[in-house]
Amino acid sequence: MEHISQSLEGLLKKLELDRRVLGWSVLSIWEEVVGPRIAANAKPVAYRDSKLFVQVATTIWMHELSFTKGEVLRKLNERLGERVIEDIVFSLAR
């Protein structure tokens, strides 16, 4: 008899939702990956079409993060175990 978690995992893969679930899991690992300083000024708010959407506190932080975007992207995908996030889109928090 198959365990329910195996059944659920198989269903997610079949419906191609496994990558979406993995992408959304970034919200829970964000601070661990980017550190408390960045996490205090930039919050992931959505994951859609392989893009992570992050709201940033100020234009200064947006500028700063534009320089480290590639490194953050690499670290996030490394932590997720596969290339789930293709791009990070920054916007100013309201």
N, C-alpha and C. Protein backbone atom coordinates (compact mmCIF):
# COMPACT_ATOMS: atom_id res chain seq x y z
N MET A 1 0.83 -1.18 0.00
CA MET A 1 0.00 0.00 0.00
C MET A 1 0.89 1.26 0.00
N GLU A 2 0.57 2.20 -0.86
CA GLU A 2 1.35 3.42 -1.00
C GLU A 2 1.00 4.42 0.10
N HIS A 3 2.02 5.02 0.68
CA HIS A 3 1.83 6.02 1.73
C HIS A 3 1.21 7.27 1.09
N ILE A 4 0.38 7.99 1.85
CA ILE A 4 -0.32 9.17 1.31
C ILE A 4 0.65 10.23 0.80
N SER A 5 1.80 10.40 1.47
CA SER A 5 2.76 11.42 1.01
C SER A 5 3.33 11.05 -0.36
N GLN A 6 3.51 9.76 -0.62
CA GLN A 6 3.99 9.32 -1.94
C GLN A 6 2.91 9.56 -2.99
N SER A 7 1.67 9.30 -2.63
CA SER A 7 0.55 9.54 -3.56
C SER A 7 0.44 11.02 -3.90
N LEU A 8 0.55 11.86 -2.86
CA LEU A 8 0.46 13.30 -3.06
C LEU A 8 1.61 13.80 -3.92
N GLU A 9 2.81 13.32 -3.66
CA GLU A 9 3.99 13.71 -4.44
C GLU A 9 3.80 13.33 -5.91
N GLY A 10 3.30 12.13 -6.16
CA GLY A 10 3.05 11.68 -7.52
C GLY A 10 2.02 12.54 -8.22
N LEU A 11 0.95 12.90 -7.51
CA LEU A 11 -0.09 13.75 -8.07
C LEU A 11 0.44 15.13 -8.41
N LEU A 12 1.25 15.70 -7.51
CA LEU A 12 1.84 17.02 -7.77
C LEU A 12 2.70 17.00 -9.02
N LYS A 13 3.50 15.95 -9.17
CA LYS A 13 4.36 15.84 -10.36
C LYS A 13 3.51 15.69 -11.62
N LYS A 14 2.50 14.86 -11.54
CA LYS A 14 1.63 14.62 -12.70
C LYS A 14 0.95 15.91 -13.15
N LEU A 15 0.53 16.71 -12.20
CA LEU A 15 -0.14 17.98 -12.51
C LEU A 15 0.86 19.12 -12.71
N GLU A 16 2.15 18.79 -12.62
CA GLU A 16 3.24 19.77 -12.77
C GLU A 16 3.15 20.89 -11.74
N LEU A 17 2.66 20.56 -10.57
CA LEU A 17 2.55 21.53 -9.49
C LEU A 17 3.74 21.45 -8.54
N ASP A 18 4.56 20.41 -8.66
CA ASP A 18 5.68 20.24 -7.75
C ASP A 18 6.66 21.41 -7.81
N ARG A 19 6.92 21.92 -9.02
CA ARG A 19 7.82 23.07 -9.16
C ARG A 19 7.21 24.33 -8.55
N ARG A 20 5.90 24.48 -8.69
CA ARG A 20 5.23 25.64 -8.11
C ARG A 20 5.31 25.60 -6.59
N VAL A 21 5.05 24.44 -6.03
CA VAL A 21 5.13 24.29 -4.58
C VAL A 21 6.55 24.57 -4.11
N LEU A 22 7.53 24.06 -4.83
CA LEU A 22 8.93 24.29 -4.49
C LEU A 22 9.25 25.79 -4.60
N GLY A 23 8.75 26.44 -5.64
CA GLY A 23 8.97 27.88 -5.81
C GLY A 23 8.39 28.69 -4.66
N TRP A 24 7.18 28.35 -4.25
CA TRP A 24 6.56 29.06 -3.14
C TRP A 24 7.28 28.80 -1.83
N SER A 25 7.99 27.69 -1.72
CA SER A 25 8.70 27.39 -0.48
C SER A 25 9.82 28.40 -0.21
N VAL A 26 10.17 29.18 -1.20
CA VAL A 26 11.19 30.23 -1.03
C VAL A 26 10.78 31.20 0.07
N LEU A 27 9.50 31.44 0.21
CA LEU A 27 9.04 32.37 1.23
C LEU A 27 9.49 31.93 2.63
N SER A 28 9.57 30.64 2.85
CA SER A 28 9.95 30.15 4.18
C SER A 28 11.47 30.06 4.37
N ILE A 29 12.25 30.06 3.31
CA ILE A 29 13.71 29.95 3.44
C ILE A 29 14.44 31.25 3.10
N TRP A 30 13.70 32.28 2.72
CA TRP A 30 14.28 33.54 2.26
C TRP A 30 15.32 34.10 3.24
N GLU A 31 14.93 34.30 4.50
CA GLU A 31 15.85 34.91 5.46
C GLU A 31 17.09 34.04 5.68
N GLU A 32 16.90 32.75 5.73
CA GLU A 32 18.03 31.83 5.91
C GLU A 32 19.04 31.97 4.77
N VAL A 33 18.55 32.16 3.56
CA VAL A 33 19.41 32.24 2.38
C VAL A 33 20.05 33.62 2.22
N VAL A 34 19.26 34.68 2.38
CA VAL A 34 19.80 36.02 2.12
C VAL A 34 20.37 36.70 3.35
N GLY A 35 20.04 36.19 4.53
CA GLY A 35 20.52 36.79 5.77
C GLY A 35 19.55 37.81 6.33
N PRO A 36 19.69 38.13 7.61
CA PRO A 36 18.73 39.02 8.28
C PRO A 36 18.74 40.47 7.78
N ARG A 37 19.90 40.96 7.36
CA ARG A 37 19.99 42.35 6.88
C ARG A 37 19.17 42.57 5.62
N ILE A 38 19.32 41.68 4.65
CA ILE A 38 18.54 41.80 3.41
C ILE A 38 17.08 41.47 3.69
N ALA A 39 16.83 40.42 4.48
CA ALA A 39 15.45 40.01 4.76
C ALA A 39 14.65 41.12 5.46
N ALA A 40 15.32 41.96 6.23
CA ALA A 40 14.63 43.06 6.91
C ALA A 40 14.20 44.14 5.92
N ASN A 41 14.79 44.16 4.73
CA ASN A 41 14.52 45.21 3.75
C ASN A 41 13.92 44.71 2.45
N ALA A 42 13.80 43.41 2.30
CA ALA A 42 13.26 42.84 1.06
C ALA A 42 12.48 41.57 1.39
N LYS A 43 11.23 41.51 0.98
CA LYS A 43 10.36 40.37 1.30
C LYS A 43 9.79 39.76 0.03
N PRO A 44 9.95 38.45 -0.12
CA PRO A 44 9.32 37.79 -1.27
C PRO A 44 7.81 37.77 -1.04
N VAL A 45 7.06 38.08 -2.08
CA VAL A 45 5.59 38.16 -1.93
C VAL A 45 4.85 37.23 -2.88
N ALA A 46 5.52 36.77 -3.93
CA ALA A 46 4.84 35.89 -4.88
C ALA A 46 5.84 35.12 -5.71
N TYR A 47 5.36 33.99 -6.25
CA TYR A 47 6.15 33.18 -7.17
C TYR A 47 5.20 32.81 -8.31
N ARG A 48 5.61 33.15 -9.53
CA ARG A 48 4.75 32.89 -10.70
C ARG A 48 5.62 32.78 -11.95
N ASP A 49 5.36 31.76 -12.74
CA ASP A 49 6.06 31.58 -14.02
C ASP A 49 7.58 31.60 -13.86
N SER A 50 8.07 30.89 -12.86
CA SER A 50 9.51 30.77 -12.56
C SER A 50 10.15 32.09 -12.12
N LYS A 51 9.32 33.07 -11.74
CA LYS A 51 9.82 34.35 -11.26
C LYS A 51 9.44 34.54 -9.80
N LEU A 52 10.39 35.04 -9.03
CA LEU A 52 10.13 35.40 -7.64
C LEU A 52 9.95 36.91 -7.57
N PHE A 53 8.84 37.34 -6.99
CA PHE A 53 8.55 38.76 -6.86
C PHE A 53 8.85 39.19 -5.44
N VAL A 54 9.70 40.21 -5.32
CA VAL A 54 10.19 40.65 -4.02
C VAL A 54 9.91 42.14 -3.85
N GLN A 55 9.27 42.50 -2.74
CA GLN A 55 9.05 43.91 -2.42
C GLN A 55 10.21 44.41 -1.58
N VAL A 56 10.72 45.57 -1.95
CA VAL A 56 11.91 46.15 -1.33
C VAL A 56 11.53 47.45 -0.64
N ALA A 57 12.14 47.71 0.51
CA ALA A 57 11.79 48.86 1.35
C ALA A 57 12.08 50.21 0.69
N THR A 58 13.22 50.34 0.01
CA THR A 58 13.62 51.64 -0.55
C THR A 58 14.27 51.46 -1.92
N THR A 59 14.38 52.55 -2.64
CA THR A 59 15.07 52.50 -3.93
C THR A 59 16.55 52.17 -3.76
N ILE A 60 17.12 52.58 -2.64
CA ILE A 60 18.52 52.26 -2.37
C ILE A 60 18.69 50.76 -2.27
N TRP A 61 17.79 50.09 -1.55
CA TRP A 61 17.87 48.64 -1.44
C TRP A 61 17.61 47.97 -2.79
N MET A 62 16.72 48.52 -3.57
CA MET A 62 16.46 47.95 -4.90
C MET A 62 17.72 48.02 -5.75
N HIS A 63 18.40 49.13 -5.69
CA HIS A 63 19.65 49.31 -6.43
C HIS A 63 20.71 48.33 -5.92
N GLU A 64 20.85 48.23 -4.61
CA GLU A 64 21.82 47.31 -4.00
C GLU A 64 21.55 45.86 -4.42
N LEU A 65 20.29 45.46 -4.37
CA LEU A 65 19.94 44.08 -4.70
C LEU A 65 20.10 43.77 -6.19
N SER A 66 20.01 44.79 -7.03
CA SER A 66 20.20 44.55 -8.46
C SER A 66 21.63 44.06 -8.74
N PHE A 67 22.58 44.47 -7.90
CA PHE A 67 23.97 44.03 -8.07
C PHE A 67 24.20 42.61 -7.56
N THR A 68 23.40 42.17 -6.60
CA THR A 68 23.59 40.84 -6.01
C THR A 68 22.53 39.85 -6.47
N LYS A 69 21.70 40.24 -7.41
CA LYS A 69 20.59 39.40 -7.87
C LYS A 69 21.06 38.01 -8.34
N GLY A 70 22.10 37.95 -9.12
CA GLY A 70 22.61 36.68 -9.62
C GLY A 70 23.05 35.75 -8.50
N GLU A 71 23.71 36.31 -7.51
CA GLU A 71 24.17 35.51 -6.37
C GLU A 71 22.99 35.01 -5.53
N VAL A 72 22.00 35.88 -5.31
CA VAL A 72 20.81 35.48 -4.55
C VAL A 72 20.07 34.38 -5.31
N LEU A 73 19.92 34.54 -6.60
CA LEU A 73 19.27 33.54 -7.45
C LEU A 73 19.98 32.20 -7.35
N ARG A 74 21.29 32.23 -7.44
CA ARG A 74 22.08 31.00 -7.36
C ARG A 74 21.90 30.32 -6.00
N LYS A 75 21.98 31.10 -4.94
CA LYS A 75 21.85 30.54 -3.59
C LYS A 75 20.46 29.95 -3.36
N LEU A 76 19.43 30.64 -3.82
CA LEU A 76 18.07 30.13 -3.64
C LEU A 76 17.88 28.81 -4.37
N ASN A 77 18.29 28.76 -5.63
CA ASN A 77 18.14 27.53 -6.40
C ASN A 77 18.98 26.39 -5.83
N GLU A 78 20.16 26.74 -5.34
CA GLU A 78 21.01 25.74 -4.71
C GLU A 78 20.32 25.15 -3.47
N ARG A 79 19.73 26.02 -2.68
CA ARG A 79 19.03 25.58 -1.46
C ARG A 79 17.80 24.74 -1.81
N LEU A 80 17.12 25.08 -2.92
CA LEU A 80 15.93 24.33 -3.35
C LEU A 80 16.31 22.99 -4.00
N GLY A 81 17.56 22.87 -4.44
CA GLY A 81 18.01 21.61 -5.01
C GLY A 81 17.82 21.50 -6.51
N GLU A 82 17.27 22.51 -7.12
CA GLU A 82 17.13 22.55 -8.58
C GLU A 82 16.82 23.97 -9.02
N ARG A 83 16.95 24.21 -10.31
CA ARG A 83 16.72 25.57 -10.83
C ARG A 83 15.21 25.78 -10.99
N VAL A 84 14.62 26.33 -9.95
CA VAL A 84 13.19 26.58 -9.92
C VAL A 84 12.90 28.05 -10.25
N ILE A 85 13.78 28.93 -9.79
CA ILE A 85 13.60 30.37 -9.99
C ILE A 85 14.52 30.83 -11.12
N GLU A 86 13.93 31.39 -12.14
CA GLU A 86 14.70 31.87 -13.30
C GLU A 86 15.02 33.36 -13.19
N ASP A 87 14.20 34.10 -12.44
CA ASP A 87 14.40 35.54 -12.35
C ASP A 87 13.82 36.04 -11.03
N ILE A 88 14.34 37.16 -10.57
CA ILE A 88 13.79 37.86 -9.41
C ILE A 88 13.38 39.24 -9.87
N VAL A 89 12.14 39.61 -9.57
CA VAL A 89 11.59 40.91 -9.95
C VAL A 89 11.41 41.73 -8.68
N PHE A 90 12.13 42.84 -8.59
CA PHE A 90 12.04 43.71 -7.42
C PHE A 90 11.07 44.85 -7.67
N SER A 91 10.31 45.21 -6.63
CA SER A 91 9.44 46.38 -6.71
C SER A 91 9.43 47.05 -5.34
N LEU A 92 9.09 48.33 -5.34
CA LEU A 92 9.04 49.06 -4.07
C LEU A 92 7.81 48.67 -3.28
N ALA A 93 8.00 48.43 -2.00
CA ALA A 93 6.85 48.15 -1.11
C ALA A 93 6.03 49.41 -0.97
N ARG A 94 4.77 49.27 -0.81
CA ARG A 94 3.89 50.44 -0.68
C ARG A 94 3.68 50.80 0.76
